[in-house]
Amino acid sequence: MVTIGKALQSGFKKAGLDIGNTESPVTPVFLKGSPQQGANVALDLRENYGIFCSLVIYPVVPKDVIMLRIIPTAVHTLADVDYTIKAFREVKEKLAKGAYASDQIQLQLLK
C-alpha cells in the first residue's frame, strides 16, 4: 500500500516538480524566484487553493530559490494528493509567466 506521503512525492516528480532528495513525509518543492515571489506563491496556495505550506527563502536557500515545504498527514486522501499536485503545477506555471513578479506581496491574489 502506498502512503499518502509517497503518493504526493511520486506525483510531484511525475508532474515535473523538483522535490530534491527527501526521505521523510515533509516534502520540499523547489522553484526559481525571489523571496517576494515565494511569499506570493505561498499566499496564493493558501488563500486560493486552501493549501498550507511553509515558505523557506534566503538565507536558508540561495537567493533565487523558493522552497515550499508541505507535510501530508494521515487524514489526507489520494484525492487531496491529486488536487495538491494540480495546484502546485498551476502555481509553477503562473510563476513562470510572471504572475508573482511584484516586489510586494500581492494581496490582490486574494480576489
N, C-alpha and C. Protein backbone atom coordinates (compact mmCIF):
# COMPACT_ATOMS: atom_id res chain seq x y z
N MET A 1 0.84 -1.19 0.00
CA MET A 1 0.00 0.00 0.00
C MET A 1 0.89 1.25 0.00
N VAL A 2 0.56 2.19 -0.86
CA VAL A 2 1.32 3.43 -0.98
C VAL A 2 0.82 4.41 0.08
N THR A 3 1.75 5.02 0.80
CA THR A 3 1.37 6.03 1.78
C THR A 3 1.02 7.33 1.07
N ILE A 4 0.29 8.18 1.76
CA ILE A 4 -0.06 9.48 1.21
C ILE A 4 1.21 10.28 0.89
N GLY A 5 2.18 10.23 1.79
CA GLY A 5 3.44 10.95 1.57
C GLY A 5 4.15 10.47 0.31
N LYS A 6 4.23 9.17 0.12
CA LYS A 6 4.88 8.62 -1.07
C LYS A 6 4.09 8.95 -2.34
N ALA A 7 2.76 8.91 -2.24
CA ALA A 7 1.93 9.25 -3.39
C ALA A 7 2.14 10.72 -3.79
N LEU A 8 2.22 11.60 -2.79
CA LEU A 8 2.44 13.01 -3.06
C LEU A 8 3.80 13.23 -3.71
N GLN A 9 4.82 12.63 -3.15
CA GLN A 9 6.17 12.81 -3.68
C GLN A 9 6.29 12.24 -5.09
N SER A 10 5.74 11.06 -5.31
CA SER A 10 5.76 10.46 -6.64
C SER A 10 5.00 11.32 -7.64
N GLY A 11 3.85 11.84 -7.23
CA GLY A 11 3.05 12.70 -8.10
C GLY A 11 3.75 14.00 -8.44
N PHE A 12 4.41 14.60 -7.45
CA PHE A 12 5.17 15.82 -7.71
C PHE A 12 6.26 15.54 -8.76
N LYS A 13 6.98 14.44 -8.58
CA LYS A 13 8.05 14.11 -9.54
C LYS A 13 7.48 13.90 -10.93
N LYS A 14 6.38 13.15 -11.04
CA LYS A 14 5.76 12.90 -12.35
C LYS A 14 5.28 14.18 -12.99
N ALA A 15 4.90 15.17 -12.17
CA ALA A 15 4.43 16.46 -12.68
C ALA A 15 5.57 17.40 -13.02
N GLY A 16 6.82 16.94 -12.87
CA GLY A 16 7.97 17.75 -13.21
C GLY A 16 8.37 18.74 -12.14
N LEU A 17 7.91 18.52 -10.91
CA LEU A 17 8.28 19.40 -9.80
C LEU A 17 9.52 18.84 -9.11
N ASP A 18 10.41 19.73 -8.73
CA ASP A 18 11.67 19.35 -8.08
C ASP A 18 11.44 19.23 -6.58
N ILE A 19 11.56 18.01 -6.05
CA ILE A 19 11.43 17.82 -4.60
C ILE A 19 12.77 17.44 -3.97
N GLY A 20 13.83 17.53 -4.74
CA GLY A 20 15.14 17.20 -4.19
C GLY A 20 15.19 15.75 -3.74
N ASN A 21 15.96 15.50 -2.70
CA ASN A 21 16.08 14.17 -2.12
C ASN A 21 15.54 14.22 -0.71
N THR A 22 14.37 13.66 -0.51
CA THR A 22 13.77 13.67 0.82
C THR A 22 13.46 12.24 1.22
N GLU A 23 13.64 11.96 2.48
CA GLU A 23 13.36 10.62 2.99
C GLU A 23 12.33 10.67 4.11
N SER A 24 11.58 11.76 4.18
CA SER A 24 10.55 11.88 5.20
C SER A 24 9.28 12.38 4.54
N PRO A 25 8.16 12.32 5.26
CA PRO A 25 6.92 12.85 4.69
C PRO A 25 6.96 14.36 4.45
N VAL A 26 7.83 15.07 5.16
CA VAL A 26 7.98 16.51 4.93
C VAL A 26 8.59 16.66 3.54
N THR A 27 7.83 17.28 2.64
CA THR A 27 8.21 17.31 1.23
C THR A 27 8.52 18.72 0.78
N PRO A 28 9.78 18.95 0.36
CA PRO A 28 10.10 20.25 -0.21
C PRO A 28 9.74 20.29 -1.68
N VAL A 29 9.37 21.46 -2.15
CA VAL A 29 9.18 21.70 -3.59
C VAL A 29 10.01 22.94 -3.90
N PHE A 30 10.96 22.78 -4.82
CA PHE A 30 11.88 23.86 -5.17
C PHE A 30 11.43 24.53 -6.45
N LEU A 31 11.36 25.86 -6.41
CA LEU A 31 11.03 26.68 -7.57
C LEU A 31 12.08 27.76 -7.70
N LYS A 32 12.14 28.40 -8.84
CA LYS A 32 13.06 29.51 -9.06
C LYS A 32 12.31 30.82 -8.91
N GLY A 33 12.84 31.72 -8.10
CA GLY A 33 12.22 33.02 -7.93
C GLY A 33 12.77 33.74 -6.72
N SER A 34 12.30 34.96 -6.54
CA SER A 34 12.76 35.81 -5.44
C SER A 34 11.98 35.50 -4.16
N PRO A 35 12.50 35.97 -3.03
CA PRO A 35 11.74 35.80 -1.78
C PRO A 35 10.33 36.39 -1.86
N GLN A 36 10.18 37.53 -2.51
CA GLN A 36 8.86 38.14 -2.65
C GLN A 36 7.94 37.26 -3.50
N GLN A 37 8.48 36.72 -4.57
CA GLN A 37 7.68 35.81 -5.39
C GLN A 37 7.28 34.58 -4.58
N GLY A 38 8.19 34.08 -3.77
CA GLY A 38 7.88 32.94 -2.92
C GLY A 38 6.74 33.24 -1.96
N ALA A 39 6.76 34.44 -1.38
CA ALA A 39 5.68 34.85 -0.48
C ALA A 39 4.36 34.90 -1.23
N ASN A 40 4.39 35.40 -2.47
CA ASN A 40 3.17 35.47 -3.27
C ASN A 40 2.65 34.09 -3.65
N VAL A 41 3.56 33.16 -3.96
CA VAL A 41 3.16 31.79 -4.28
C VAL A 41 2.50 31.15 -3.06
N ALA A 42 3.15 31.27 -1.89
CA ALA A 42 2.60 30.67 -0.67
C ALA A 42 1.25 31.27 -0.32
N LEU A 43 1.11 32.58 -0.52
CA LEU A 43 -0.16 33.25 -0.25
C LEU A 43 -1.25 32.74 -1.20
N ASP A 44 -0.92 32.61 -2.47
CA ASP A 44 -1.88 32.11 -3.45
C ASP A 44 -2.30 30.68 -3.10
N LEU A 45 -1.34 29.83 -2.78
CA LEU A 45 -1.68 28.45 -2.41
C LEU A 45 -2.62 28.41 -1.21
N ARG A 46 -2.33 29.23 -0.22
CA ARG A 46 -3.15 29.22 1.00
C ARG A 46 -4.53 29.81 0.77
N GLU A 47 -4.58 30.98 0.17
CA GLU A 47 -5.85 31.71 0.08
C GLU A 47 -6.74 31.25 -1.07
N ASN A 48 -6.15 30.82 -2.17
CA ASN A 48 -6.95 30.48 -3.33
C ASN A 48 -7.08 28.98 -3.58
N TYR A 49 -6.16 28.21 -3.01
CA TYR A 49 -6.22 26.77 -3.21
C TYR A 49 -6.51 26.02 -1.90
N GLY A 50 -6.42 26.71 -0.77
CA GLY A 50 -6.66 26.06 0.51
C GLY A 50 -5.55 25.11 0.93
N ILE A 51 -4.34 25.37 0.44
CA ILE A 51 -3.19 24.51 0.75
C ILE A 51 -2.20 25.30 1.59
N PHE A 52 -1.88 24.77 2.76
CA PHE A 52 -0.88 25.42 3.61
C PHE A 52 0.46 24.76 3.39
N CYS A 53 1.47 25.59 3.17
CA CYS A 53 2.84 25.10 3.11
C CYS A 53 3.75 26.17 3.71
N SER A 54 4.87 25.73 4.21
CA SER A 54 5.86 26.65 4.77
C SER A 54 6.72 27.19 3.64
N LEU A 55 7.12 28.43 3.77
CA LEU A 55 8.00 29.07 2.80
C LEU A 55 9.39 29.17 3.38
N VAL A 56 10.38 28.70 2.64
CA VAL A 56 11.77 28.80 3.05
C VAL A 56 12.50 29.60 1.97
N ILE A 57 13.14 30.69 2.39
CA ILE A 57 13.81 31.58 1.44
C ILE A 57 15.21 31.91 1.94
N TYR A 58 15.91 32.69 1.16
CA TYR A 58 17.25 33.17 1.51
C TYR A 58 17.23 33.77 2.91
N PRO A 59 18.18 33.46 3.75
CA PRO A 59 19.49 32.86 3.52
C PRO A 59 19.54 31.34 3.73
N VAL A 60 18.41 30.69 3.95
CA VAL A 60 18.40 29.24 4.13
C VAL A 60 18.65 28.53 2.80
N VAL A 61 18.12 29.09 1.73
CA VAL A 61 18.36 28.59 0.37
C VAL A 61 18.96 29.74 -0.43
N PRO A 62 19.56 29.48 -1.59
CA PRO A 62 20.11 30.57 -2.40
C PRO A 62 19.05 31.62 -2.74
N LYS A 63 19.51 32.84 -3.04
CA LYS A 63 18.61 33.98 -3.28
C LYS A 63 17.57 33.72 -4.38
N ASP A 64 17.89 32.92 -5.37
CA ASP A 64 16.95 32.71 -6.47
C ASP A 64 16.13 31.42 -6.32
N VAL A 65 16.12 30.86 -5.13
CA VAL A 65 15.40 29.61 -4.88
C VAL A 65 14.26 29.85 -3.90
N ILE A 66 13.12 29.30 -4.24
CA ILE A 66 11.95 29.27 -3.36
C ILE A 66 11.79 27.81 -2.94
N MET A 67 11.75 27.56 -1.66
CA MET A 67 11.46 26.21 -1.20
C MET A 67 10.16 26.24 -0.41
N LEU A 68 9.20 25.47 -0.89
CA LEU A 68 7.93 25.31 -0.19
C LEU A 68 7.96 23.94 0.47
N ARG A 69 7.59 23.89 1.74
CA ARG A 69 7.57 22.62 2.46
C ARG A 69 6.14 22.26 2.78
N ILE A 70 5.73 21.08 2.38
CA ILE A 70 4.37 20.62 2.61
C ILE A 70 4.43 19.30 3.38
N ILE A 71 3.50 19.14 4.30
CA ILE A 71 3.51 17.95 5.16
C ILE A 71 2.16 17.24 5.05
N PRO A 72 2.12 16.12 4.31
CA PRO A 72 0.88 15.35 4.25
C PRO A 72 0.66 14.62 5.58
N THR A 73 -0.60 14.40 5.89
CA THR A 73 -0.93 13.70 7.14
C THR A 73 -1.83 12.51 6.84
N ALA A 74 -2.11 11.74 7.86
CA ALA A 74 -2.95 10.55 7.72
C ALA A 74 -4.38 10.89 7.33
N VAL A 75 -4.83 12.10 7.57
CA VAL A 75 -6.20 12.47 7.22
C VAL A 75 -6.34 12.89 5.76
N HIS A 76 -5.23 13.10 5.07
CA HIS A 76 -5.29 13.43 3.66
C HIS A 76 -5.64 12.18 2.85
N THR A 77 -6.31 12.41 1.73
CA THR A 77 -6.73 11.32 0.85
C THR A 77 -5.96 11.38 -0.46
N LEU A 78 -6.11 10.34 -1.27
CA LEU A 78 -5.48 10.38 -2.60
C LEU A 78 -6.10 11.48 -3.46
N ALA A 79 -7.36 11.80 -3.24
CA ALA A 79 -7.98 12.93 -3.94
C ALA A 79 -7.31 14.24 -3.53
N ASP A 80 -6.96 14.37 -2.25
CA ASP A 80 -6.24 15.56 -1.78
C ASP A 80 -4.87 15.64 -2.46
N VAL A 81 -4.22 14.50 -2.60
CA VAL A 81 -2.92 14.45 -3.27
C VAL A 81 -3.06 14.94 -4.71
N ASP A 82 -4.03 14.42 -5.43
CA ASP A 82 -4.24 14.84 -6.82
C ASP A 82 -4.50 16.34 -6.91
N TYR A 83 -5.33 16.87 -6.03
CA TYR A 83 -5.64 18.29 -6.01
C TYR A 83 -4.38 19.12 -5.74
N THR A 84 -3.57 18.67 -4.79
CA THR A 84 -2.36 19.38 -4.42
C THR A 84 -1.37 19.41 -5.58
N ILE A 85 -1.20 18.30 -6.24
CA ILE A 85 -0.29 18.24 -7.39
C ILE A 85 -0.77 19.20 -8.48
N LYS A 86 -2.05 19.20 -8.75
CA LYS A 86 -2.63 20.10 -9.76
C LYS A 86 -2.38 21.56 -9.36
N ALA A 87 -2.59 21.89 -8.10
CA ALA A 87 -2.39 23.26 -7.62
C ALA A 87 -0.93 23.69 -7.77
N PHE A 88 -0.01 22.82 -7.40
CA PHE A 88 1.41 23.16 -7.50
C PHE A 88 1.83 23.31 -8.96
N ARG A 89 1.30 22.49 -9.85
CA ARG A 89 1.59 22.67 -11.28
C ARG A 89 1.09 24.03 -11.75
N GLU A 90 -0.10 24.40 -11.32
CA GLU A 90 -0.67 25.70 -11.73
C GLU A 90 0.16 26.86 -11.21
N VAL A 91 0.57 26.84 -9.94
CA VAL A 91 1.35 27.97 -9.43
C VAL A 91 2.73 28.01 -10.07
N LYS A 92 3.29 26.86 -10.39
CA LYS A 92 4.59 26.84 -11.09
C LYS A 92 4.44 27.52 -12.46
N GLU A 93 3.36 27.22 -13.17
CA GLU A 93 3.11 27.85 -14.47
C GLU A 93 2.88 29.35 -14.31
N LYS A 94 2.12 29.74 -13.31
CA LYS A 94 1.87 31.16 -13.05
C LYS A 94 3.17 31.89 -12.72
N LEU A 95 4.03 31.24 -11.93
CA LEU A 95 5.33 31.82 -11.59
C LEU A 95 6.15 32.03 -12.86
N ALA A 96 6.18 31.05 -13.73
CA ALA A 96 6.94 31.15 -14.98
C ALA A 96 6.41 32.26 -15.89
N LYS A 97 5.12 32.53 -15.82
CA LYS A 97 4.50 33.58 -16.64
C LYS A 97 4.58 34.96 -16.00
N GLY A 98 5.17 35.05 -14.81
CA GLY A 98 5.35 36.35 -14.17
C GLY A 98 4.22 36.81 -13.27
N ALA A 99 3.30 35.92 -12.94
CA ALA A 99 2.14 36.32 -12.14
C ALA A 99 2.50 36.78 -10.73
N TYR A 100 3.65 36.37 -10.25
CA TYR A 100 4.06 36.71 -8.88
C TYR A 100 5.24 37.68 -8.88
N ALA A 101 5.43 38.41 -9.97
CA ALA A 101 6.65 39.20 -10.17
C ALA A 101 6.76 40.45 -9.30
N SER A 102 5.72 40.89 -8.70
CA SER A 102 5.77 42.11 -7.90
C SER A 102 6.75 41.96 -6.74
N ASP A 103 7.40 43.07 -6.40
CA ASP A 103 8.26 43.07 -5.23
C ASP A 103 7.46 43.16 -3.93
N GLN A 104 6.18 43.39 -4.07
CA GLN A 104 5.29 43.47 -2.91
C GLN A 104 4.45 42.19 -2.84
N ILE A 105 4.09 41.80 -1.63
CA ILE A 105 3.18 40.68 -1.51
C ILE A 105 1.85 41.12 -2.09
N GLN A 106 1.34 40.35 -3.03
CA GLN A 106 0.19 40.75 -3.82
C GLN A 106 -1.12 40.34 -3.15
N LEU A 107 -1.65 41.23 -2.36
CA LEU A 107 -2.91 40.94 -1.71
C LEU A 107 -4.04 40.79 -2.71
N GLN A 108 -3.89 41.36 -3.90
CA GLN A 108 -4.93 41.21 -4.90
C GLN A 108 -5.06 39.76 -5.36
N LEU A 109 -4.08 38.92 -5.08
CA LEU A 109 -4.20 37.50 -5.40
C LEU A 109 -5.38 36.88 -4.66
N LEU A 110 -5.80 37.53 -3.59
CA LEU A 110 -6.88 37.00 -2.79
C LEU A 110 -8.24 37.15 -3.46
N LYS A 111 -8.30 37.93 -4.51
CA LYS A 111 -9.57 38.17 -5.20
C LYS A 111 -9.93 37.02 -6.10
